[in-house]
């Protein structure tokens, strides 16, 4: 069975060259030209492309496109400026979502205590708009400093340095204005 299958299969892998030659006793035939073989005749002469005149509709669309071009370029410019910001915001959201899905143990109870401290600060701030701006962040910062003391110390140092710089800049500006006012 193997001989009967392998023999013809192996012969199909061999390549042979075949040369065709006319018979010696056949009469000489006239050869046909390419034009005679073609089903369609080839046009004589040269063809010229003539563009059709533009219709009123095409003209109106062209004018509309030219009038809208500054606005579309403006929109493209705005898109190119906002796309990276939106991509960063989306990535920030995805990162926070992944962090909250795999939160460290005890994160959510701490978050609840810090949020409750902010709510208590809001309750103590009744009546004054300034208190409503100051008390809740203060109480939340106080609650966060209980759970994250090292970060609270770092935050207080950086914030203190920035407040000192702002105060110094304000003092310099006020001193310059005071000198300019009294020198006149």
Protein backbone atom coordinates (compact mmCIF):
# COMPACT_ATOMS: atom_id res chain seq x y z
CA UNK A 1 0.00 0.00 0.00
CA UNK A 2 2.86 2.34 0.84
CA UNK A 3 4.57 1.73 -2.53
CA UNK A 4 1.39 2.51 -4.42
CA UNK A 5 0.91 5.82 -2.51
CA UNK A 6 4.49 7.02 -2.26
CA UNK A 7 5.48 6.28 -5.87
CA UNK A 8 2.99 8.60 -7.67
CA UNK A 9 3.29 11.19 -4.93
CA UNK A 10 7.08 11.37 -5.29
CA UNK A 11 6.80 11.67 -9.08
CA UNK A 12 4.65 14.78 -8.64
CA UNK A 13 7.53 16.49 -6.85
CA UNK A 14 9.88 16.08 -9.82
CA UNK A 15 10.09 18.89 -12.37
CA UNK A 16 10.45 18.42 -16.10
CA UNK A 17 11.08 20.90 -18.90
CA UNK A 18 8.99 20.52 -21.98
CA UNK A 19 10.06 22.12 -25.27
CA UNK A 20 7.49 22.62 -27.98
CA UNK A 21 8.57 22.56 -31.62
CA UNK A 22 6.49 22.60 -34.80
CA UNK A 23 6.20 19.43 -36.84
CA UNK A 24 8.51 19.39 -39.79
CA UNK A 25 5.87 18.32 -42.26
CA UNK A 26 3.18 20.89 -41.14
CA UNK A 27 2.56 23.84 -43.47
CA UNK A 28 3.76 27.35 -42.43
CA UNK A 29 0.93 29.42 -40.96
CA UNK A 30 0.57 33.18 -40.99
CA UNK A 31 0.64 34.76 -37.57
CA UNK A 32 -2.08 37.18 -36.40
CA UNK A 33 -1.44 40.62 -35.01
CA UNK A 34 -2.59 41.77 -31.58
CA UNK A 35 -5.29 44.01 -33.08
CA UNK A 36 -6.81 41.05 -34.85
CA UNK A 37 -7.04 39.11 -31.58
CA UNK A 38 -8.67 41.87 -29.62
CA UNK A 39 -12.41 41.82 -29.05
CA UNK A 40 -12.50 45.59 -28.96
CA UNK A 41 -10.80 47.79 -31.45
CA UNK A 42 -8.16 50.25 -30.24
CA UNK A 43 -9.17 53.82 -30.98
CA UNK A 44 -6.96 55.59 -33.44
CA UNK A 45 -5.60 59.00 -32.57
CA UNK A 46 -5.26 60.65 -29.21
CA UNK A 47 -7.96 61.22 -26.65
CA UNK A 48 -8.18 64.40 -24.61
CA UNK A 49 -9.68 64.81 -21.14
CA UNK A 50 -12.21 67.57 -20.91
CA UNK A 51 -13.35 68.61 -17.43
CA UNK A 52 -17.03 69.18 -17.03
CA UNK A 53 -18.07 72.63 -15.84
CA UNK A 54 -18.94 72.89 -12.14
CA UNK A 55 -22.59 72.93 -11.25
CA UNK A 56 -24.19 75.52 -8.99
CA UNK A 57 -24.40 72.99 -6.16
CA UNK A 58 -20.68 72.22 -6.36
CA UNK A 59 -19.92 75.95 -6.45
CA UNK A 60 -22.05 76.55 -3.32
CA UNK A 61 -20.32 73.71 -1.44
CA UNK A 62 -16.94 75.13 -2.42
CA UNK A 63 -17.87 78.57 -1.09
CA UNK A 64 -19.25 77.06 2.11
CA UNK A 65 -16.05 75.07 2.63
CA UNK A 66 -13.91 78.19 2.15
CA UNK A 67 -16.04 80.16 4.63
CA UNK A 68 -15.88 77.38 7.23
CA UNK A 69 -12.14 76.74 6.90
CA UNK A 70 -11.02 79.15 9.69
CA UNK A 71 -13.52 77.62 12.10
CA UNK A 72 -12.53 74.05 11.29
CA UNK A 73 -8.83 74.86 11.70
CA UNK A 74 -9.65 76.54 15.03
CA UNK A 75 -11.56 73.43 16.15
CA UNK A 76 -8.67 71.19 15.11
CA UNK A 77 -6.24 73.35 17.07
CA UNK A 78 -8.45 73.27 20.17
CA UNK A 79 -8.82 69.49 19.79
CA UNK A 80 -5.06 69.01 19.53
CA UNK A 81 -4.57 71.04 22.73
CA UNK A 82 -7.34 69.41 24.78
CA UNK A 83 -6.87 65.78 23.71
CA UNK A 84 -3.69 65.22 25.79
CA UNK A 85 -5.35 66.79 28.84
CA UNK A 86 -8.43 64.62 28.45
CA UNK A 87 -6.25 61.54 27.97
CA UNK A 88 -4.34 62.36 31.18
CA UNK A 89 -7.62 62.88 33.06
CA UNK A 90 -8.99 59.55 31.80
CA UNK A 91 -5.75 57.79 32.77
CA UNK A 92 -5.94 59.41 36.22
CA UNK A 93 -9.49 58.08 36.60
CA UNK A 94 -8.46 54.58 35.49
CA UNK A 95 -5.51 54.58 37.90
CA UNK A 96 -7.73 55.68 40.81
CA UNK A 97 -10.33 53.06 39.90
CA UNK A 98 -7.67 50.34 39.89
CA UNK A 99 -6.30 51.62 43.21
CA UNK A 100 -9.75 51.54 44.79
CA UNK A 101 -10.37 48.05 43.44
CA UNK A 102 -7.13 46.83 45.06
CA UNK A 103 -7.08 49.17 48.08
CA UNK A 104 -4.75 48.38 50.97
CA UNK A 105 -6.38 46.90 54.05
CA UNK A 106 -8.00 49.49 56.30
CA UNK A 107 -8.17 52.16 53.59
CA UNK A 108 -11.94 52.49 53.46
CA UNK A 109 -12.45 52.79 57.25
CA UNK A 110 -9.80 55.51 57.33
CA UNK A 111 -11.46 57.25 54.41
CA UNK A 112 -14.79 57.10 56.28
CA UNK A 113 -13.28 58.65 59.42
CA UNK A 114 -11.66 61.46 57.42
CA UNK A 115 -14.91 62.14 55.56
CA UNK A 116 -16.84 62.15 58.84
CA UNK A 117 -14.35 64.67 60.26
CA UNK A 118 -15.07 66.93 57.27
CA UNK A 119 -18.81 66.58 57.92
CA UNK A 120 -18.28 67.52 61.58
CA UNK A 121 -16.32 70.56 60.44
CA UNK A 122 -19.23 71.52 58.21
CA UNK A 123 -21.61 71.23 61.17
CA UNK A 124 -19.41 73.50 63.32
CA UNK A 125 -19.20 76.07 60.51
CA UNK A 126 -22.86 77.10 60.62
CA UNK A 127 -23.59 80.74 59.93
CA UNK A 128 -20.35 81.97 58.40
CA UNK A 129 -19.14 81.50 54.83
CA UNK A 130 -15.54 81.87 55.90
CA UNK A 131 -15.96 79.14 58.50
CA UNK A 132 -17.49 76.89 55.84
CA UNK A 133 -14.33 77.33 53.77
CA UNK A 134 -11.92 76.79 56.67
CA UNK A 135 -13.43 74.28 59.13
CA UNK A 136 -14.14 71.24 56.92
CA UNK A 137 -10.64 71.09 55.37
CA UNK A 138 -9.10 71.70 58.80
CA UNK A 139 -11.05 68.86 60.42
CA UNK A 140 -10.35 66.57 57.47
CA UNK A 141 -6.64 67.40 57.69
CA UNK A 142 -6.73 66.72 61.42
CA UNK A 143 -8.40 63.34 60.81
CA UNK A 144 -5.93 62.46 58.06
CA UNK A 145 -2.95 63.42 60.23
CA UNK A 146 -4.04 60.79 62.80
CA UNK A 147 -3.76 58.01 60.20
CA UNK A 148 -0.92 59.42 58.07
CA UNK A 149 1.42 61.34 60.41
CA UNK A 150 4.52 61.32 58.17
CA UNK A 151 2.61 62.67 55.16
CA UNK A 152 0.94 65.28 57.39
CA UNK A 153 4.32 66.55 58.61
CA UNK A 154 5.62 66.77 55.04
CA UNK A 155 2.45 68.54 53.90
CA UNK A 156 2.67 71.02 56.79
CA UNK A 157 6.32 71.80 56.00
CA UNK A 158 5.69 72.40 52.30
CA UNK A 159 2.54 74.42 52.97
CA UNK A 160 4.33 76.51 55.61
CA UNK A 161 7.16 77.30 53.20
CA UNK A 162 4.72 78.32 50.46
CA UNK A 163 2.69 80.49 52.86
CA UNK A 164 5.88 82.16 54.06
CA UNK A 165 6.94 82.85 50.43
CA UNK A 166 3.52 84.29 49.57
CA UNK A 167 3.55 86.47 52.68
CA UNK A 168 7.04 87.72 51.87
CA UNK A 169 6.02 88.54 48.27
CA UNK A 170 2.92 90.36 49.56
CA UNK A 171 5.05 92.32 52.05
CA UNK A 172 7.47 93.36 49.27
CA UNK A 173 4.62 94.45 46.99
CA UNK A 174 2.94 96.39 49.82
CA UNK A 175 6.25 98.06 50.73
CA UNK A 176 6.85 99.11 47.10
CA UNK A 177 3.32 100.54 46.84
CA UNK A 178 3.77 102.37 50.17
CA UNK A 179 7.05 103.92 49.03
CA UNK A 180 5.63 104.93 45.65
CA UNK A 181 2.58 106.52 47.29
CA UNK A 182 4.54 108.62 49.80
CA UNK A 183 7.34 109.59 47.37
CA UNK A 184 4.81 111.28 45.06
